[in-house]
PDB file of N, CA and C in Angstrom:
ATOM      1  N   MET A   1     -23.524   0.735  12.086  1.00  0.00           N
ATOM      2  CA  MET A   1     -24.506   0.796  13.152  1.00  0.00           C
ATOM      3  C   MET A   1     -25.847   1.229  12.560  1.00  0.00           C
ATOM      4  N   LYS A   2     -26.902   0.521  12.933  1.00  0.00           N
ATOM      5  CA  LYS A   2     -28.238   0.832  12.434  1.00  0.00           C
ATOM      6  C   LYS A   2     -28.836   2.013  13.182  1.00  0.00           C
ATOM      7  N   THR A   3     -29.653   2.760  12.458  1.00  0.00           N
ATOM      8  CA  THR A   3     -30.391   3.837  13.109  1.00  0.00           C
ATOM      9  C   THR A   3     -31.622   3.239  13.779  1.00  0.00           C
ATOM     10  N   ARG A   4     -32.226   3.989  14.671  1.00  0.00           N
ATOM     11  CA  ARG A   4     -33.442   3.514  15.357  1.00  0.00           C
ATOM     12  C   ARG A   4     -34.551   3.241  14.344  1.00  0.00           C
ATOM     13  N   LYS A   5     -34.647   4.087  13.326  1.00  0.00           N
ATOM     14  CA  LYS A   5     -35.664   3.903  12.290  1.00  0.00           C
ATOM     15  C   LYS A   5     -35.447   2.576  11.552  1.00  0.00           C
ATOM     16  N   GLN A   6     -34.194   2.256  11.241  1.00  0.00           N
ATOM     17  CA  GLN A   6     -33.882   0.990  10.577  1.00  0.00           C
ATOM     18  C   GLN A   6     -34.213  -0.197  11.479  1.00  0.00           C
ATOM     19  N   GLU A   7     -33.911  -0.076  12.785  1.00  0.00           N
ATOM     20  CA  GLU A   7     -34.210  -1.159  13.724  1.00  0.00           C
ATOM     21  C   GLU A   7     -35.714  -1.389  13.822  1.00  0.00           C
ATOM     22  N   ILE A   8     -36.490  -0.312  13.887  1.00  0.00           N
ATOM     23  CA  ILE A   8     -37.951  -0.443  13.967  1.00  0.00           C
ATOM     24  C   ILE A   8     -38.486  -1.101  12.703  1.00  0.00           C
ATOM     25  N   LYS A   9     -37.973  -0.696  11.549  1.00  0.00           N
ATOM     26  CA  LYS A   9     -38.397  -1.309  10.286  1.00  0.00           C
ATOM     27  C   LYS A   9     -38.069  -2.802  10.284  1.00  0.00           C
ATOM     28  N   GLU A  10     -36.875  -3.157  10.744  1.00  0.00           N
ATOM     29  CA  GLU A  10     -36.452  -4.560  10.793  1.00  0.00           C
ATOM     30  C   GLU A  10     -37.354  -5.370  11.727  1.00  0.00           C
ATOM     31  N   ILE A  11     -37.670  -4.810  12.884  1.00  0.00           N
ATOM     32  CA  ILE A  11     -38.548  -5.503  13.832  1.00  0.00           C
ATOM     33  C   ILE A  11     -39.942  -5.669  13.239  1.00  0.00           C
ATOM     34  N   ARG A  12     -40.450  -4.628  12.591  1.00  0.00           N
ATOM     35  CA  ARG A  12     -41.777  -4.697  11.970  1.00  0.00           C
ATOM     36  C   ARG A  12     -41.813  -5.812  10.932  1.00  0.00           C
ATOM     37  N   GLU A  13     -40.782  -5.899  10.099  1.00  0.00           N
ATOM     38  CA  GLU A  13     -40.719  -6.935   9.068  1.00  0.00           C
ATOM     39  C   GLU A  13     -40.557  -8.323   9.683  1.00  0.00           C
ATOM     40  N   LYS A  14     -39.682  -8.440  10.666  1.00  0.00           N
ATOM     41  CA  LYS A  14     -39.400  -9.742  11.281  1.00  0.00           C
ATOM     42  C   LYS A  14     -40.627 -10.316  11.982  1.00  0.00           C
ATOM     43  N   HIS A  15     -41.410  -9.444  12.612  1.00  0.00           N
ATOM     44  CA  HIS A  15     -42.570  -9.915  13.371  1.00  0.00           C
ATOM     45  C   HIS A  15     -43.878  -9.629  12.646  1.00  0.00           C
ATOM     46  N   GLN A  16     -43.793  -9.453  11.334  1.00  0.00           N
ATOM     47  CA  GLN A  16     -44.941  -9.267  10.458  1.00  0.00           C
ATOM     48  C   GLN A  16     -45.905  -8.210  10.979  1.00  0.00           C
ATOM     49  N   GLY A  17     -45.353  -7.114  11.391  1.00  0.00           N
ATOM     50  CA  GLY A  17     -46.173  -5.988  11.812  1.00  0.00           C
ATOM     51  C   GLY A  17     -46.862  -6.162  13.145  1.00  0.00           C
ATOM     52  N   ASN A  18     -46.431  -7.116  13.960  1.00  0.00           N
ATOM     53  CA  ASN A  18     -47.041  -7.329  15.277  1.00  0.00           C
ATOM     54  C   ASN A  18     -46.891  -6.052  16.100  1.00  0.00           C
ATOM     55  N   ILE A  19     -48.008  -5.366  16.293  1.00  0.00           N
ATOM     56  CA  ILE A  19     -48.001  -4.067  16.971  1.00  0.00           C
ATOM     57  C   ILE A  19     -47.510  -4.184  18.409  1.00  0.00           C
ATOM     58  N   ALA A  20     -47.865  -5.256  19.103  1.00  0.00           N
ATOM     59  CA  ALA A  20     -47.464  -5.416  20.509  1.00  0.00           C
ATOM     60  C   ALA A  20     -45.944  -5.476  20.633  1.00  0.00           C
ATOM     61  N   VAL A  21     -45.311  -6.240  19.769  1.00  0.00           N
ATOM     62  CA  VAL A  21     -43.851  -6.356  19.805  1.00  0.00           C
ATOM     63  C   VAL A  21     -43.218  -5.005  19.492  1.00  0.00           C
ATOM     64  N   LEU A  22     -43.731  -4.345  18.472  1.00  0.00           N
ATOM     65  CA  LEU A  22     -43.195  -3.040  18.090  1.00  0.00           C
ATOM     66  C   LEU A  22     -43.372  -2.026  19.215  1.00  0.00           C
ATOM     67  N   GLN A  23     -44.523  -2.035  19.866  1.00  0.00           N
ATOM     68  CA  GLN A  23     -44.772  -1.096  20.961  1.00  0.00           C
ATOM     69  C   GLN A  23     -43.837  -1.364  22.137  1.00  0.00           C
ATOM     70  N   HIS A  24     -43.620  -2.641  22.449  1.00  0.00           N
ATOM     71  CA  HIS A  24     -42.678  -2.986  23.519  1.00  0.00           C
ATOM     72  C   HIS A  24     -41.291  -2.439  23.198  1.00  0.00           C
ATOM     73  N   TYR A  25     -40.896  -2.559  21.932  1.00  0.00           N
ATOM     74  CA  TYR A  25     -39.573  -2.065  21.539  1.00  0.00           C
ATOM     75  C   TYR A  25     -39.505  -0.545  21.667  1.00  0.00           C
ATOM     76  N   ILE A  26     -40.507   0.140  21.152  1.00  0.00           N
ATOM     77  CA  ILE A  26     -40.521   1.605  21.195  1.00  0.00           C
ATOM     78  C   ILE A  26     -40.544   2.105  22.632  1.00  0.00           C
ATOM     79  N   ASP A  27     -41.345   1.459  23.482  1.00  0.00           N
ATOM     80  CA  ASP A  27     -41.446   1.856  24.892  1.00  0.00           C
ATOM     81  C   ASP A  27     -40.192   1.510  25.690  1.00  0.00           C
ATOM     82  N   GLY A  28     -39.369   0.647  25.121  1.00  0.00           N
ATOM     83  CA  GLY A  28     -38.176   0.219  25.842  1.00  0.00           C
ATOM     84  C   GLY A  28     -38.443  -0.924  26.804  1.00  0.00           C
ATOM     85  N   THR A  29     -39.630  -1.535  26.694  1.00  0.00           N
ATOM     86  CA  THR A  29     -39.958  -2.636  27.596  1.00  0.00           C
ATOM     87  C   THR A  29     -39.517  -3.984  27.036  1.00  0.00           C
ATOM     88  N   LEU A  30     -39.190  -4.037  25.772  1.00  0.00           N
ATOM     89  CA  LEU A  30     -38.705  -5.276  25.165  1.00  0.00           C
ATOM     90  C   LEU A  30     -37.202  -5.128  24.937  1.00  0.00           C
ATOM     91  N   PRO A  31     -36.402  -5.964  25.577  1.00  0.00           N
ATOM     92  CA  PRO A  31     -34.956  -5.837  25.384  1.00  0.00           C
ATOM     93  C   PRO A  31     -34.576  -6.179  23.947  1.00  0.00           C
ATOM     94  N   VAL A  32     -33.537  -5.565  23.458  1.00  0.00           N
ATOM     95  CA  VAL A  32     -33.032  -5.887  22.127  1.00  0.00           C
ATOM     96  C   VAL A  32     -32.090  -7.071  22.293  1.00  0.00           C
ATOM     97  N   VAL A  33     -32.524  -8.217  21.786  1.00  0.00           N
ATOM     98  CA  VAL A  33     -31.756  -9.450  21.930  1.00  0.00           C
ATOM     99  C   VAL A  33     -31.280  -9.891  20.554  1.00  0.00           C
ATOM    100  N   LYS A  34     -29.994 -10.097  20.453  1.00  0.00           N
ATOM    101  CA  LYS A  34     -29.415 -10.619  19.220  1.00  0.00           C
ATOM    102  C   LYS A  34     -28.610 -11.855  19.587  1.00  0.00           C
ATOM    103  N   THR A  35     -28.631 -12.816  18.695  1.00  0.00           N
ATOM    104  CA  THR A  35     -27.876 -14.044  18.933  1.00  0.00           C
ATOM    105  C   THR A  35     -26.974 -14.306  17.734  1.00  0.00           C
ATOM    106  N   ARG A  36     -25.929 -15.045  17.996  1.00  0.00           N
ATOM    107  CA  ARG A  36     -25.079 -15.509  16.904  1.00  0.00           C
ATOM    108  C   ARG A  36     -24.461 -16.830  17.329  1.00  0.00           C
ATOM    109  N   ILE A  37     -24.193 -17.647  16.337  1.00  0.00           N
ATOM    110  CA  ILE A  37     -23.556 -18.936  16.603  1.00  0.00           C
ATOM    111  C   ILE A  37     -22.073 -18.798  16.288  1.00  0.00           C
ATOM    112  N   LYS A  38     -21.273 -19.173  17.253  1.00  0.00           N
ATOM    113  CA  LYS A  38     -19.818 -19.110  17.116  1.00  0.00           C
ATOM    114  C   LYS A  38     -19.279 -20.537  17.228  1.00  0.00           C
ATOM    115  N   HIS A  39     -18.417 -20.920  16.295  1.00  0.00           N
ATOM    116  CA  HIS A  39     -17.823 -22.255  16.328  1.00  0.00           C
ATOM    117  C   HIS A  39     -16.421 -22.156  16.915  1.00  0.00           C
ATOM    118  N   LEU A  40     -16.221 -22.833  18.038  1.00  0.00           N
ATOM    119  CA  LEU A  40     -14.903 -22.882  18.675  1.00  0.00           C
ATOM    120  C   LEU A  40     -14.206 -24.148  18.184  1.00  0.00           C
ATOM    121  N   VAL A  41     -13.358 -23.986  17.204  1.00  0.00           N
ATOM    122  CA  VAL A  41     -12.715 -25.122  16.539  1.00  0.00           C
ATOM    123  C   VAL A  41     -11.878 -25.944  17.507  1.00  0.00           C
ATOM    124  N   ASP A  42     -11.105 -25.293  18.349  1.00  0.00           N
ATOM    125  CA  ASP A  42     -10.227 -26.011  19.285  1.00  0.00           C
ATOM    126  C   ASP A  42     -10.999 -26.943  20.213  1.00  0.00           C
ATOM    127  N   TRP A  43     -12.214 -26.577  20.536  1.00  0.00           N
ATOM    128  CA  TRP A  43     -13.028 -27.367  21.465  1.00  0.00           C
ATOM    129  C   TRP A  43     -14.098 -28.181  20.741  1.00  0.00           C
ATOM    130  N   ASN A  44     -14.191 -28.030  19.414  1.00  0.00           N
ATOM    131  CA  ASN A  44     -15.265 -28.639  18.630  1.00  0.00           C
ATOM    132  C   ASN A  44     -16.618 -28.341  19.284  1.00  0.00           C
ATOM    133  N   GLU A  45     -16.851 -27.075  19.529  1.00  0.00           N
ATOM    134  CA  GLU A  45     -18.038 -26.654  20.261  1.00  0.00           C
ATOM    135  C   GLU A  45     -18.692 -25.476  19.538  1.00  0.00           C
ATOM    136  N   TYR A  46     -20.013 -25.460  19.587  1.00  0.00           N
ATOM    137  CA  TYR A  46     -20.785 -24.343  19.055  1.00  0.00           C
ATOM    138  C   TYR A  46     -21.371 -23.585  20.237  1.00  0.00           C
ATOM    139  N   VAL A  47     -21.285 -22.276  20.171  1.00  0.00           N
ATOM    140  CA  VAL A  47     -21.817 -21.436  21.243  1.00  0.00           C
ATOM    141  C   VAL A  47     -22.854 -20.505  20.636  1.00  0.00           C
ATOM    142  N   VAL A  48     -24.059 -20.544  21.187  1.00  0.00           N
ATOM    143  CA  VAL A  48     -25.067 -19.561  20.814  1.00  0.00           C
ATOM    144  C   VAL A  48     -24.859 -18.399  21.775  1.00  0.00           C
ATOM    145  N   GLU A  49     -24.252 -17.342  21.271  1.00  0.00           N
ATOM    146  CA  GLU A  49     -23.978 -16.174  22.102  1.00  0.00           C
ATOM    147  C   GLU A  49     -25.210 -15.282  22.124  1.00  0.00           C
ATOM    148  N   VAL A  50     -25.528 -14.772  23.295  1.00  0.00           N
ATOM    149  CA  VAL A  50     -26.698 -13.918  23.472  1.00  0.00           C
ATOM    150  C   VAL A  50     -26.240 -12.519  23.863  1.00  0.00           C
ATOM    151  N   PHE A  51     -26.658 -11.551  23.073  1.00  0.00           N
ATOM    152  CA  PHE A  51     -26.366 -10.147  23.340  1.00  0.00           C
ATOM    153  C   PHE A  51     -27.672  -9.462  23.709  1.00  0.00           C
ATOM    154  N   ILE A  52     -27.720  -8.891  24.898  1.00  0.00           N
ATOM    155  CA  ILE A  52     -28.913  -8.195  25.368  1.00  0.00           C
ATOM    156  C   ILE A  52     -28.585  -6.713  25.433  1.00  0.00           C
ATOM    157  N   ASP A  53     -29.332  -5.943  24.657  1.00  0.00           N
ATOM    158  CA  ASP A  53     -29.078  -4.503  24.557  1.00  0.00           C
ATOM    159  C   ASP A  53     -27.609  -4.231  24.237  1.00  0.00           C
ATOM    160  N   GLY A  54     -27.035  -5.079  23.357  1.00  0.00           N
ATOM    161  CA  GLY A  54     -25.669  -4.889  22.887  1.00  0.00           C
ATOM    162  C   GLY A  54     -24.572  -5.448  23.773  1.00  0.00           C
ATOM    163  N   ILE A  55     -24.942  -6.070  24.896  1.00  0.00           N
ATOM    164  CA  ILE A  55     -23.951  -6.591  25.844  1.00  0.00           C
ATOM    165  C   ILE A  55     -24.008  -8.118  25.850  1.00  0.00           C
ATOM    166  N   LEU A  56     -22.851  -8.757  25.676  1.00  0.00           N
ATOM    167  CA  LEU A  56     -22.794 -10.218  25.716  1.00  0.00           C
ATOM    168  C   LEU A  56     -23.191 -10.698  27.103  1.00  0.00           C
ATOM    169  N   ASN A  57     -24.155 -11.619  27.156  1.00  0.00           N
ATOM    170  CA  ASN A  57     -24.603 -12.189  28.425  1.00  0.00           C
ATOM    171  C   ASN A  57     -24.183 -13.657  28.445  1.00  0.00           C
ATOM    172  N   GLU A  58     -23.071 -13.933  29.113  1.00  0.00           N
ATOM    173  CA  GLU A  58     -22.524 -15.295  29.166  1.00  0.00           C
ATOM    174  C   GLU A  58     -23.490 -16.275  29.824  1.00  0.00           C
ATOM    175  N   GLU A  59     -24.249 -15.821  30.808  1.00  0.00           N
ATOM    176  CA  GLU A  59     -25.173 -16.712  31.512  1.00  0.00           C
ATOM    177  C   GLU A  59     -26.265 -17.244  30.592  1.00  0.00           C
ATOM    178  N   LYS A  60     -26.648 -16.480  29.588  1.00  0.00           N
ATOM    179  CA  LYS A  60     -27.690 -16.900  28.653  1.00  0.00           C
ATOM    180  C   LYS A  60     -27.125 -17.657  27.458  1.00  0.00           C
ATOM    181  N   SER A  61     -25.817 -17.578  27.249  1.00  0.00           N
ATOM    182  CA  SER A  61     -25.206 -18.261  26.110  1.00  0.00           C
ATOM    183  C   SER A  61     -25.305 -19.772  26.297  1.00  0.00           C
ATOM    184  N   TYR A  62     -25.380 -20.480  25.177  1.00  0.00           N
ATOM    185  CA  TYR A  62     -25.614 -21.923  25.190  1.00  0.00           C
ATOM    186  C   TYR A  62     -24.470 -22.627  24.462  1.00  0.00           C
ATOM    187  N   HIS A  63     -23.927 -23.674  25.066  1.00  0.00           N
ATOM    188  CA  HIS A  63     -22.799 -24.427  24.508  1.00  0.00           C
ATOM    189  C   HIS A  63     -23.258 -25.832  24.125  1.00  0.00           C
ATOM    190  N   THR A  64     -22.840 -26.292  22.945  1.00  0.00           N
ATOM    191  CA  THR A  64     -23.174 -27.635  22.488  1.00  0.00           C
ATOM    192  C   THR A  64     -22.125 -28.096  21.475  1.00  0.00           C
ATOM    193  N   ASP A  65     -22.056 -29.407  21.263  1.00  0.00           N
ATOM    194  CA  ASP A  65     -21.144 -29.922  20.240  1.00  0.00           C
ATOM    195  C   ASP A  65     -21.890 -30.257  18.948  1.00  0.00           C
ATOM    196  N   ASP A  66     -23.198 -29.963  18.909  1.00  0.00           N
ATOM    197  CA  ASP A  66     -24.046 -30.287  17.764  1.00  0.00           C
ATOM    198  C   ASP A  66     -24.493 -28.999  17.063  1.00  0.00           C
ATOM    199  N   LYS A  67     -24.104 -28.849  15.802  1.00  0.00           N
ATOM    200  CA  LYS A  67     -24.415 -27.630  15.053  1.00  0.00           C
ATOM    201  C   LYS A  67     -25.924 -27.420  14.913  1.00  0.00           C
ATOM    202  N   GLN A  68     -26.661 -28.481  14.618  1.00  0.00           N
ATOM    203  CA  GLN A  68     -28.113 -28.348  14.458  1.00  0.00           C
ATOM    204  C   GLN A  68     -28.775 -27.968  15.777  1.00  0.00           C
ATOM    205  N   ASP A  69     -28.285 -28.512  16.864  1.00  0.00           N
ATOM    206  CA  ASP A  69     -28.798 -28.141  18.187  1.00  0.00           C
ATOM    207  C   ASP A  69     -28.592 -26.649  18.431  1.00  0.00           C
ATOM    208  N   ALA A  70     -27.440 -26.138  18.039  1.00  0.00           N
ATOM    209  CA  ALA A  70     -27.163 -24.705  18.199  1.00  0.00           C
ATOM    210  C   ALA A  70     -28.133 -23.871  17.366  1.00  0.00           C
ATOM    211  N   LYS A  71     -28.391 -24.286  16.126  1.00  0.00           N
ATOM    212  CA  LYS A  71     -29.325 -23.552  15.259  1.00  0.00           C
ATOM    213  C   LYS A  71     -30.739 -23.571  15.833  1.00  0.00           C
ATOM    214  N   ASP A  72     -31.174 -24.741  16.293  1.00  0.00           N
ATOM    215  CA  ASP A  72     -32.519 -24.859  16.871  1.00  0.00           C
ATOM    216  C   ASP A  72     -32.652 -24.012  18.133  1.00  0.00           C
ATOM    217  N   THR A  73     -31.632 -24.038  18.967  1.00  0.00           N
ATOM    218  CA  THR A  73     -31.645 -23.255  20.205  1.00  0.00           C
ATOM    219  C   THR A  73     -31.683 -21.768  19.897  1.00  0.00           C
ATOM    220  N   GLN A  74     -30.943 -21.355  18.893  1.00  0.00           N
ATOM    221  CA  GLN A  74     -30.935 -19.944  18.503  1.00  0.00           C
ATOM    222  C   GLN A  74     -32.342 -19.492  18.100  1.00  0.00           C
ATOM    223  N   LYS A  75     -33.046 -20.302  17.328  1.00  0.00           N
ATOM    224  CA  LYS A  75     -34.413 -19.955  16.907  1.00  0.00           C
ATOM    225  C   LYS A  75     -35.342 -19.830  18.108  1.00  0.00           C
ATOM    226  N   VAL A  76     -35.237 -20.778  19.033  1.00  0.00           N
ATOM    227  CA  VAL A  76     -36.086 -20.751  20.229  1.00  0.00           C
ATOM    228  C   VAL A  76     -35.809 -19.499  21.057  1.00  0.00           C
ATOM    229  N   MET A  77     -34.542 -19.173  21.233  1.00  0.00           N
ATOM    230  CA  MET A  77     -34.183 -17.982  22.010  1.00  0.00           C
ATOM    231  C   MET A  77     -34.779 -16.726  21.395  1.00  0.00           C
ATOM    232  N   GLU A  78     -34.713 -16.616  20.074  1.00  0.00           N
ATOM    233  CA  GLU A  78     -35.221 -15.426  19.400  1.00  0.00           C
ATOM    234  C   GLU A  78     -36.734 -15.306  19.534  1.00  0.00           C
ATOM    235  N   LEU A  79     -37.434 -16.422  19.564  1.00  0.00           N
ATOM    236  CA  LEU A  79     -38.887 -16.393  19.759  1.00  0.00           C
ATOM    237  C   LEU A  79     -39.259 -16.189  21.222  1.00  0.00           C
ATOM    238  N   GLU A  80     -38.470 -16.765  22.100  1.00  0.00           N
ATOM    239  CA  GLU A  80     -38.751 -16.706  23.532  1.00  0.00           C
ATOM    240  C   GLU A  80     -38.697 -15.281  24.085  1.00  0.00           C
ATOM    241  N   VAL A  81     -37.845 -14.452  23.521  1.00  0.00           N
ATOM    242  CA  VAL A  81     -37.726 -13.082  24.037  1.00  0.00           C
ATOM    243  C   VAL A  81     -39.032 -12.309  23.859  1.00  0.00           C
ATOM    244  N   ILE A  82     -39.811 -12.661  22.869  1.00  0.00           N
ATOM    245  CA  ILE A  82     -41.095 -11.993  22.646  1.00  0.00           C
ATOM    246  C   ILE A  82     -42.101 -12.429  23.694  1.00  0.00           C
ATOM    247  N   GLU A  83     -42.123 -13.727  23.985  1.00  0.00           N
ATOM    248  CA  GLU A  83     -43.092 -14.253  24.943  1.00  0.00           C
ATOM    249  C   GLU A  83     -42.686 -14.003  26.392  1.00  0.00           C
ATOM    250  N   TYR A  84     -41.396 -14.078  26.678  1.00  0.00           N
ATOM    251  CA  TYR A  84     -40.903 -13.921  28.053  1.00  0.00           C
ATOM    252  C   TYR A  84     -39.772 -12.891  28.106  1.00  0.00           C
ATOM    253  N   PRO A  85     -40.049 -11.627  27.824  1.00  0.00           N
ATOM    254  CA  PRO A  85     -38.964 -10.637  27.785  1.00  0.00           C
ATOM    255  C   PRO A  85     -38.242 -10.475  29.116  1.00  0.00           C
ATOM    256  N   GLU A  86     -38.930 -10.779  30.216  1.00  0.00           N
ATOM    257  CA  GLU A  86     -38.287 -10.628  31.531  1.00  0.00           C
ATOM    258  C   GLU A  86     -37.106 -11.578  31.706  1.00  0.00           C
ATOM    259  N   ARG A  87     -37.056 -12.657  30.957  1.00  0.00           N
ATOM    260  CA  ARG A  87     -35.931 -13.602  31.033  1.00  0.00           C
ATOM    261  C   ARG A  87     -34.678 -13.060  30.346  1.00  0.00           C
ATOM    262  N   TYR A  88     -34.872 -12.048  29.526  1.00  0.00           N
ATOM    263  CA  TYR A  88     -33.772 -11.533  28.721  1.00  0.00           C
ATOM    264  C   TYR A  88     -33.469 -10.079  29.041  1.00  0.00           C
ATOM    265  N   ARG A  89     -33.360  -9.785  30.288  1.00  0.00           N
ATOM    266  CA  ARG A  89     -32.987  -8.434  30.700  1.00  0.00           C
ATOM    267  C   ARG A  89     -31.643  -8.515  31.419  1.00  0.00           C
ATOM    268  N   ASN A  90     -30.760  -7.629  31.060  1.00  0.00           N
ATOM    269  CA  ASN A  90     -29.508  -7.512  31.798  1.00  0.00           C
ATOM    270  C   ASN A  90     -29.802  -6.801  33.099  1.00  0.00           C
ATOM    271  N   GLU A  91     -29.032  -7.092  34.103  1.00  0.00           N
ATOM    272  CA  GLU A  91     -29.223  -6.434  35.402  1.00  0.00           C
ATOM    273  C   GLU A  91     -29.156  -4.917  35.266  1.00  0.00           C
ATOM    274  N   VAL A  92     -28.312  -4.442  34.385  1.00  0.00           N
ATOM    275  CA  VAL A  92     -28.159  -2.994  34.237  1.00  0.00           C
ATOM    276  C   VAL A  92     -29.360  -2.346  33.572  1.00  0.00           C
ATOM    277  N   SER A  93     -30.169  -3.118  32.834  1.00  0.00           N
ATOM    278  CA  SER A  93     -31.301  -2.523  32.122  1.00  0.00           C
ATOM    279  C   SER A  93     -32.620  -2.703  32.849  1.00  0.00           C
ATOM    280  N   LYS A  94     -32.595  -3.229  34.076  1.00  0.00           N
ATOM    281  CA  LYS A  94     -33.835  -3.424  34.830  1.00  0.00           C
ATOM    282  C   LYS A  94     -34.306  -2.122  35.428  1.00  0.00           C
TER     283      LYS A  94
END
């Protein structure tokens, strides 16, 4: 498990020191969104799973049979949370 200091450092590096993003994170106004691609072999399906503040959000997860589509969608989701953080809030964190 990462410490808060490690998470802040990671966010600073990932967003090239963007102060607005970092401030949103520190203030708690930017949800912590992590994604991962899971391959369901039995269904020949790729799922971009979305975790908001550590909780899997099935409604935001994306299903496709195309691996590249899953990768592209994952990138868009990770960028979208910065521009539209309100779309990536769990009901419990509102």
